[in-house]
PDB file of N, CA and C in Angstrom:
ATOM      1  N   MET A   1       0.840  -1.155   0.000  1.00  0.00           N
ATOM      2  CA  MET A   1       0.000   0.000   0.000  1.00  0.00           C
ATOM      3  C   MET A   1       0.892   1.227   0.000  1.00  0.00           C
ATOM      4  N   MET A   2       0.483   2.239  -0.773  1.00  0.00           N
ATOM      5  CA  MET A   2       1.203   3.515  -0.812  1.00  0.00           C
ATOM      6  C   MET A   2       0.173   4.630  -0.755  1.00  0.00           C
ATOM      7  N   ALA A   3       0.551   5.718  -0.108  1.00  0.00           N
ATOM      8  CA  ALA A   3      -0.349   6.866  -0.039  1.00  0.00           C
ATOM      9  C   ALA A   3       0.451   8.142  -0.229  1.00  0.00           C
ATOM     10  N   GLU A   4      -0.153   9.078  -0.928  1.00  0.00           N
ATOM     11  CA  GLU A   4       0.452  10.398  -1.100  1.00  0.00           C
ATOM     12  C   GLU A   4      -0.678  11.396  -1.310  1.00  0.00           C
ATOM     13  N   GLY A   5      -0.678  12.438  -0.511  1.00  0.00           N
ATOM     14  CA  GLY A   5      -1.741  13.431  -0.630  1.00  0.00           C
ATOM     15  C   GLY A   5      -3.097  12.795  -0.386  1.00  0.00           C
ATOM     16  N   ASP A   6      -3.997  12.958  -1.347  1.00  0.00           N
ATOM     17  CA  ASP A   6      -5.348  12.414  -1.194  1.00  0.00           C
ATOM     18  C   ASP A   6      -5.552  11.103  -1.954  1.00  0.00           C
ATOM     19  N   GLU A   7      -4.446  10.461  -2.391  1.00  0.00           N
ATOM     20  CA  GLU A   7      -4.555   9.208  -3.135  1.00  0.00           C
ATOM     21  C   GLU A   7      -3.894   8.050  -2.394  1.00  0.00           C
ATOM     22  N   LEU A   8      -4.498   6.874  -2.550  1.00  0.00           N
ATOM     23  CA  LEU A   8      -4.021   5.652  -1.920  1.00  0.00           C
ATOM     24  C   LEU A   8      -3.988   4.567  -2.987  1.00  0.00           C
ATOM     25  N   ALA A   9      -2.887   3.824  -3.070  1.00  0.00           N
ATOM     26  CA  ALA A   9      -2.766   2.735  -4.041  1.00  0.00           C
ATOM     27  C   ALA A   9      -2.527   1.430  -3.299  1.00  0.00           C
ATOM     28  N   THR A  10      -3.201   0.371  -3.746  1.00  0.00           N
ATOM     29  CA  THR A  10      -3.009  -0.950  -3.151  1.00  0.00           C
ATOM     30  C   THR A  10      -2.804  -1.977  -4.254  1.00  0.00           C
ATOM     31  N   ARG A  11      -2.078  -3.029  -3.924  1.00  0.00           N
ATOM     32  CA  ARG A  11      -1.899  -4.175  -4.816  1.00  0.00           C
ATOM     33  C   ARG A  11      -2.228  -5.409  -4.007  1.00  0.00           C
ATOM     34  N   LYS A  12      -3.035  -6.283  -4.565  1.00  0.00           N
ATOM     35  CA  LYS A  12      -3.416  -7.490  -3.840  1.00  0.00           C
ATOM     36  C   LYS A  12      -3.566  -8.671  -4.792  1.00  0.00           C
ATOM     37  N   THR A  13      -3.600  -9.855  -4.224  1.00  0.00           N
ATOM     38  CA  THR A  13      -3.810 -11.072  -4.997  1.00  0.00           C
ATOM     39  C   THR A  13      -4.967 -11.838  -4.378  1.00  0.00           C
ATOM     40  N   PHE A  14      -5.961 -12.141  -5.192  1.00  0.00           N
ATOM     41  CA  PHE A  14      -7.070 -12.979  -4.749  1.00  0.00           C
ATOM     42  C   PHE A  14      -6.758 -14.407  -5.160  1.00  0.00           C
ATOM     43  N   ARG A  15      -7.024 -15.345  -4.251  1.00  0.00           N
ATOM     44  CA  ARG A  15      -6.816 -16.768  -4.546  1.00  0.00           C
ATOM     45  C   ARG A  15      -8.070 -17.534  -4.143  1.00  0.00           C
ATOM     46  N   GLY A  16      -8.374 -18.574  -4.904  1.00  0.00           N
ATOM     47  CA  GLY A  16      -9.545 -19.370  -4.557  1.00  0.00           C
ATOM     48  C   GLY A  16      -9.633 -20.614  -5.414  1.00  0.00           C
ATOM     49  N   THR A  17     -10.704 -21.357  -5.192  1.00  0.00           N
ATOM     50  CA  THR A  17     -10.980 -22.561  -5.958  1.00  0.00           C
ATOM     51  C   THR A  17     -12.294 -22.355  -6.690  1.00  0.00           C
ATOM     52  N   HIS A  18     -12.301 -22.653  -7.963  1.00  0.00           N
ATOM     53  CA  HIS A  18     -13.481 -22.461  -8.811  1.00  0.00           C
ATOM     54  C   HIS A  18     -14.489 -23.571  -8.516  1.00  0.00           C
ATOM     55  N   GLU A  19     -15.392 -23.302  -7.563  1.00  0.00           N
ATOM     56  CA  GLU A  19     -16.352 -24.318  -7.118  1.00  0.00           C
ATOM     57  C   GLU A  19     -17.776 -24.076  -7.599  1.00  0.00           C
ATOM     58  N   GLY A  20     -18.058 -22.915  -8.145  1.00  0.00           N
ATOM     59  CA  GLY A  20     -19.404 -22.603  -8.625  1.00  0.00           C
ATOM     60  C   GLY A  20     -19.325 -21.953  -9.992  1.00  0.00           C
ATOM     61  N   GLN A  21     -20.466 -21.854 -10.653  1.00  0.00           N
ATOM     62  CA  GLN A  21     -20.490 -21.215 -11.969  1.00  0.00           C
ATOM     63  C   GLN A  21     -20.010 -19.777 -11.846  1.00  0.00           C
ATOM     64  N   PHE A  22     -19.180 -19.353 -12.797  1.00  0.00           N
ATOM     65  CA  PHE A  22     -18.647 -17.997 -12.806  1.00  0.00           C
ATOM     66  C   PHE A  22     -18.682 -17.472 -14.225  1.00  0.00           C
ATOM     67  N   MET A  23     -19.454 -16.426 -14.463  1.00  0.00           N
ATOM     68  CA  MET A  23     -19.576 -15.814 -15.789  1.00  0.00           C
ATOM     69  C   MET A  23     -19.904 -16.858 -16.858  1.00  0.00           C
ATOM     70  N   GLY A  24     -20.785 -17.784 -16.527  1.00  0.00           N
ATOM     71  CA  GLY A  24     -21.204 -18.817 -17.465  1.00  0.00           C
ATOM     72  C   GLY A  24     -20.260 -20.001 -17.572  1.00  0.00           C
ATOM     73  N   ILE A  25     -19.167 -19.984 -16.808  1.00  0.00           N
ATOM     74  CA  ILE A  25     -18.194 -21.080 -16.851  1.00  0.00           C
ATOM     75  C   ILE A  25     -18.546 -22.061 -15.733  1.00  0.00           C
ATOM     76  N   PRO A  26     -18.827 -23.333 -16.081  1.00  0.00           N
ATOM     77  CA  PRO A  26     -19.180 -24.299 -15.039  1.00  0.00           C
ATOM     78  C   PRO A  26     -18.008 -24.553 -14.096  1.00  0.00           C
ATOM     79  N   PRO A  27     -18.278 -24.972 -12.862  1.00  0.00           N
ATOM     80  CA  PRO A  27     -17.218 -25.226 -11.876  1.00  0.00           C
ATOM     81  C   PRO A  27     -16.175 -26.205 -12.416  1.00  0.00           C
ATOM     82  N   SER A  28     -14.898 -25.887 -12.180  1.00  0.00           N
ATOM     83  CA  SER A  28     -13.813 -26.738 -12.681  1.00  0.00           C
ATOM     84  C   SER A  28     -12.995 -27.356 -11.555  1.00  0.00           C
ATOM     85  N   GLY A  29     -13.112 -26.821 -10.345  1.00  0.00           N
ATOM     86  CA  GLY A  29     -12.293 -27.300  -9.236  1.00  0.00           C
ATOM     87  C   GLY A  29     -10.863 -26.791  -9.290  1.00  0.00           C
ATOM     88  N   ARG A  30     -10.548 -25.947 -10.262  1.00  0.00           N
ATOM     89  CA  ARG A  30      -9.181 -25.427 -10.414  1.00  0.00           C
ATOM     90  C   ARG A  30      -8.881 -24.343  -9.382  1.00  0.00           C
ATOM     91  N   SER A  31      -7.618 -24.281  -8.980  1.00  0.00           N
ATOM     92  CA  SER A  31      -7.144 -23.174  -8.153  1.00  0.00           C
ATOM     93  C   SER A  31      -6.863 -21.997  -9.071  1.00  0.00           C
ATOM     94  N   VAL A  32      -7.271 -20.818  -8.634  1.00  0.00           N
ATOM     95  CA  VAL A  32      -7.076 -19.618  -9.445  1.00  0.00           C
ATOM     96  C   VAL A  32      -6.532 -18.499  -8.571  1.00  0.00           C
ATOM     97  N   SER A  33      -5.746 -17.622  -9.187  1.00  0.00           N
ATOM     98  CA  SER A  33      -5.298 -16.413  -8.496  1.00  0.00           C
ATOM     99  C   SER A  33      -5.369 -15.268  -9.495  1.00  0.00           C
ATOM    100  N   MET A  34      -5.623 -14.079  -8.960  1.00  0.00           N
ATOM    101  CA  MET A  34      -5.758 -12.906  -9.821  1.00  0.00           C
ATOM    102  C   MET A  34      -5.157 -11.704  -9.120  1.00  0.00           C
ATOM    103  N   GLY A  35      -4.208 -11.052  -9.789  1.00  0.00           N
ATOM    104  CA  GLY A  35      -3.630  -9.825  -9.267  1.00  0.00           C
ATOM    105  C   GLY A  35      -4.561  -8.655  -9.525  1.00  0.00           C
ATOM    106  N   LEU A  36      -4.569  -7.704  -8.595  1.00  0.00           N
ATOM    107  CA  LEU A  36      -5.464  -6.556  -8.695  1.00  0.00           C
ATOM    108  C   LEU A  36      -4.778  -5.333  -8.121  1.00  0.00           C
ATOM    109  N   MET A  37      -4.962  -4.190  -8.765  1.00  0.00           N
ATOM    110  CA  MET A  37      -4.440  -2.921  -8.242  1.00  0.00           C
ATOM    111  C   MET A  37      -5.578  -1.921  -8.177  1.00  0.00           C
ATOM    112  N   ASP A  38      -5.602  -1.137  -7.111  1.00  0.00           N
ATOM    113  CA  ASP A  38      -6.616  -0.104  -6.927  1.00  0.00           C
ATOM    114  C   ASP A  38      -5.949   1.214  -6.582  1.00  0.00           C
ATOM    115  N   ILE A  39      -6.515   2.290  -7.090  1.00  0.00           N
ATOM    116  CA  ILE A  39      -6.118   3.641  -6.685  1.00  0.00           C
ATOM    117  C   ILE A  39      -7.402   4.342  -6.260  1.00  0.00           C
ATOM    118  N   VAL A  40      -7.358   4.958  -5.089  1.00  0.00           N
ATOM    119  CA  VAL A  40      -8.528   5.623  -4.535  1.00  0.00           C
ATOM    120  C   VAL A  40      -8.155   7.059  -4.216  1.00  0.00           C
ATOM    121  N   ARG A  41      -9.055   7.994  -4.547  1.00  0.00           N
ATOM    122  CA  ARG A  41      -8.862   9.391  -4.151  1.00  0.00           C
ATOM    123  C   ARG A  41      -9.892   9.718  -3.086  1.00  0.00           C
ATOM    124  N   ILE A  42      -9.408  10.259  -1.982  1.00  0.00           N
ATOM    125  CA  ILE A  42     -10.256  10.597  -0.844  1.00  0.00           C
ATOM    126  C   ILE A  42     -10.510  12.105  -0.835  1.00  0.00           C
ATOM    127  N   CYS A  43     -11.747  12.489  -0.589  1.00  0.00           N
ATOM    128  CA  CYS A  43     -12.114  13.902  -0.474  1.00  0.00           C
ATOM    129  C   CYS A  43     -13.067  14.040   0.713  1.00  0.00           C
ATOM    130  N   GLU A  44     -12.692  14.861   1.680  1.00  0.00           N
ATOM    131  CA  GLU A  44     -13.496  15.084   2.879  1.00  0.00           C
ATOM    132  C   GLU A  44     -13.846  13.777   3.591  1.00  0.00           C
ATOM    133  N   GLY A  45     -12.870  12.865   3.670  1.00  0.00           N
ATOM    134  CA  GLY A  45     -13.047  11.608   4.392  1.00  0.00           C
ATOM    135  C   GLY A  45     -13.837  10.539   3.665  1.00  0.00           C
ATOM    136  N   ARG A  46     -14.164  10.770   2.410  1.00  0.00           N
ATOM    137  CA  ARG A  46     -14.935   9.792   1.635  1.00  0.00           C
ATOM    138  C   ARG A  46     -14.230   9.484   0.317  1.00  0.00           C
ATOM    139  N   VAL A  47     -14.525   8.310  -0.221  1.00  0.00           N
ATOM    140  CA  VAL A  47     -13.968   7.937  -1.523  1.00  0.00           C
ATOM    141  C   VAL A  47     -14.644   8.789  -2.595  1.00  0.00           C
ATOM    142  N   ALA A  48     -13.852   9.588  -3.299  1.00  0.00           N
ATOM    143  CA  ALA A  48     -14.372  10.445  -4.365  1.00  0.00           C
ATOM    144  C   ALA A  48     -14.209   9.783  -5.730  1.00  0.00           C
ATOM    145  N   GLU A  49     -13.114   9.029  -5.908  1.00  0.00           N
ATOM    146  CA  GLU A  49     -12.855   8.319  -7.161  1.00  0.00           C
ATOM    147  C   GLU A  49     -12.181   6.999  -6.835  1.00  0.00           C
ATOM    148  N   HIS A  50     -12.413   6.002  -7.693  1.00  0.00           N
ATOM    149  CA  HIS A  50     -11.808   4.682  -7.504  1.00  0.00           C
ATOM    150  C   HIS A  50     -11.492   4.100  -8.874  1.00  0.00           C
ATOM    151  N   TRP A  51     -10.236   3.768  -9.087  1.00  0.00           N
ATOM    152  CA  TRP A  51      -9.795   3.115 -10.322  1.00  0.00           C
ATOM    153  C   TRP A  51      -9.301   1.730  -9.938  1.00  0.00           C
ATOM    154  N   SER A  52      -9.620   0.736 -10.752  1.00  0.00           N
ATOM    155  CA  SER A  52      -9.222  -0.634 -10.447  1.00  0.00           C
ATOM    156  C   SER A  52      -8.797  -1.334 -11.731  1.00  0.00           C
ATOM    157  N   MET A  53      -7.785  -2.186 -11.618  1.00  0.00           N
ATOM    158  CA  MET A  53      -7.328  -2.963 -12.760  1.00  0.00           C
ATOM    159  C   MET A  53      -6.919  -4.343 -12.268  1.00  0.00           C
ATOM    160  N   GLY A  54      -7.465  -5.377 -12.896  1.00  0.00           N
ATOM    161  CA  GLY A  54      -7.139  -6.745 -12.522  1.00  0.00           C
ATOM    162  C   GLY A  54      -6.765  -7.568 -13.738  1.00  0.00           C
ATOM    163  N   ASP A  55      -6.089  -8.673 -13.489  1.00  0.00           N
ATOM    164  CA  ASP A  55      -5.654  -9.566 -14.566  1.00  0.00           C
ATOM    165  C   ASP A  55      -6.777 -10.545 -14.911  1.00  0.00           C
ATOM    166  N   THR A  56      -7.842 -10.015 -15.505  1.00  0.00           N
ATOM    167  CA  THR A  56      -8.992 -10.845 -15.862  1.00  0.00           C
ATOM    168  C   THR A  56      -8.619 -11.881 -16.920  1.00  0.00           C
ATOM    169  N   LEU A  57      -7.787 -11.502 -17.890  1.00  0.00           N
ATOM    170  CA  LEU A  57      -7.363 -12.445 -18.929  1.00  0.00           C
ATOM    171  C   LEU A  57      -6.656 -13.639 -18.292  1.00  0.00           C
ATOM    172  N   GLY A  58      -5.716 -13.376 -17.393  1.00  0.00           N
ATOM    173  CA  GLY A  58      -4.997 -14.463 -16.726  1.00  0.00           C
ATOM    174  C   GLY A  58      -5.930 -15.379 -15.951  1.00  0.00           C
ATOM    175  N   MET A  59      -6.921 -14.788 -15.276  1.00  0.00           N
ATOM    176  CA  MET A  59      -7.868 -15.595 -14.514  1.00  0.00           C
ATOM    177  C   MET A  59      -8.706 -16.470 -15.449  1.00  0.00           C
ATOM    178  N   MET A  60      -9.183 -15.902 -16.560  1.00  0.00           N
ATOM    179  CA  MET A  60      -9.985 -16.679 -17.505  1.00  0.00           C
ATOM    180  C   MET A  60      -9.157 -17.797 -18.142  1.00  0.00           C
ATOM    181  N   GLN A  61      -7.860 -17.553 -18.354  1.00  0.00           N
ATOM    182  CA  GLN A  61      -6.979 -18.608 -18.862  1.00  0.00           C
ATOM    183  C   GLN A  61      -6.833 -19.711 -17.820  1.00  0.00           C
ATOM    184  N   GLN A  62      -6.696 -19.348 -16.549  1.00  0.00           N
ATOM    185  CA  GLN A  62      -6.581 -20.347 -15.490  1.00  0.00           C
ATOM    186  C   GLN A  62      -7.845 -21.203 -15.388  1.00  0.00           C
ATOM    187  N   LEU A  63      -9.001 -20.601 -15.685  1.00  0.00           N
ATOM    188  CA  LEU A  63     -10.268 -21.335 -15.644  1.00  0.00           C
ATOM    189  C   LEU A  63     -10.477 -22.190 -16.889  1.00  0.00           C
ATOM    190  N   GLY A  64      -9.607 -22.016 -17.897  1.00  0.00           N
ATOM    191  CA  GLY A  64      -9.721 -22.790 -19.128  1.00  0.00           C
ATOM    192  C   GLY A  64     -10.721 -22.212 -20.113  1.00  0.00           C
ATOM    193  N   ALA A  65     -11.222 -20.998 -19.840  1.00  0.00           N
ATOM    194  CA  ALA A  65     -12.206 -20.370 -20.722  1.00  0.00           C
ATOM    195  C   ALA A  65     -11.554 -19.752 -21.949  1.00  0.00           C
ATOM    196  N   ILE A  66     -10.276 -19.395 -21.831  1.00  0.00           N
ATOM    197  CA  ILE A  66      -9.519 -18.784 -22.922  1.00  0.00           C
ATOM    198  C   ILE A  66      -8.186 -19.522 -23.018  1.00  0.00           C
ATOM    199  N   PRO A  67      -7.796 -19.972 -24.213  1.00  0.00           N
ATOM    200  CA  PRO A  67      -6.504 -20.655 -24.333  1.00  0.00           C
ATOM    201  C   PRO A  67      -5.356 -19.719 -23.966  1.00  0.00           C
ATOM    202  N   SER A  68      -4.356 -20.245 -23.305  1.00  0.00           N
ATOM    203  CA  SER A  68      -3.182 -19.437 -22.944  1.00  0.00           C
ATOM    204  C   SER A  68      -2.082 -19.699 -23.954  1.00  0.00           C
ATOM    205  N   GLY A  69      -2.211 -19.085 -25.124  1.00  0.00           N
ATOM    206  CA  GLY A  69      -1.267 -19.273 -26.221  1.00  0.00           C
ATOM    207  C   GLY A  69       0.122 -18.772 -25.894  1.00  0.00           C
ATOM    208  N   GLU A  70       1.060 -19.140 -26.733  1.00  0.00           N
ATOM    209  CA  GLU A  70       2.446 -18.720 -26.541  1.00  0.00           C
ATOM    210  C   GLU A  70       2.633 -17.287 -27.002  1.00  0.00           C
ATOM    211  N   THR A  71       3.561 -16.611 -26.372  1.00  0.00           N
ATOM    212  CA  THR A  71       3.909 -15.253 -26.770  1.00  0.00           C
ATOM    213  C   THR A  71       4.740 -15.317 -28.045  1.00  0.00           C
ATOM    214  N   PRO A  72       4.400 -14.495 -29.056  1.00  0.00           N
ATOM    215  CA  PRO A  72       5.166 -14.550 -30.323  1.00  0.00           C
ATOM    216  C   PRO A  72       6.603 -14.108 -30.138  1.00  0.00           C
TER     217      PRO A  72
END
């Protein structure tokens, strides 16, 4: 976590097991992890803006929904 002025940035990793349907993908029992970064701007003690970016492609590849092809 980093903070400067009215902005705060965090980086986290979610981990879990695919046990239920997710976005139309039937349960696979696979272990999955997804990196995520958030930046939040605080104004008068409240969240005024929130930006988030996660590795959705990597997670969908781990679930087998998208082939994980080789890098050219």
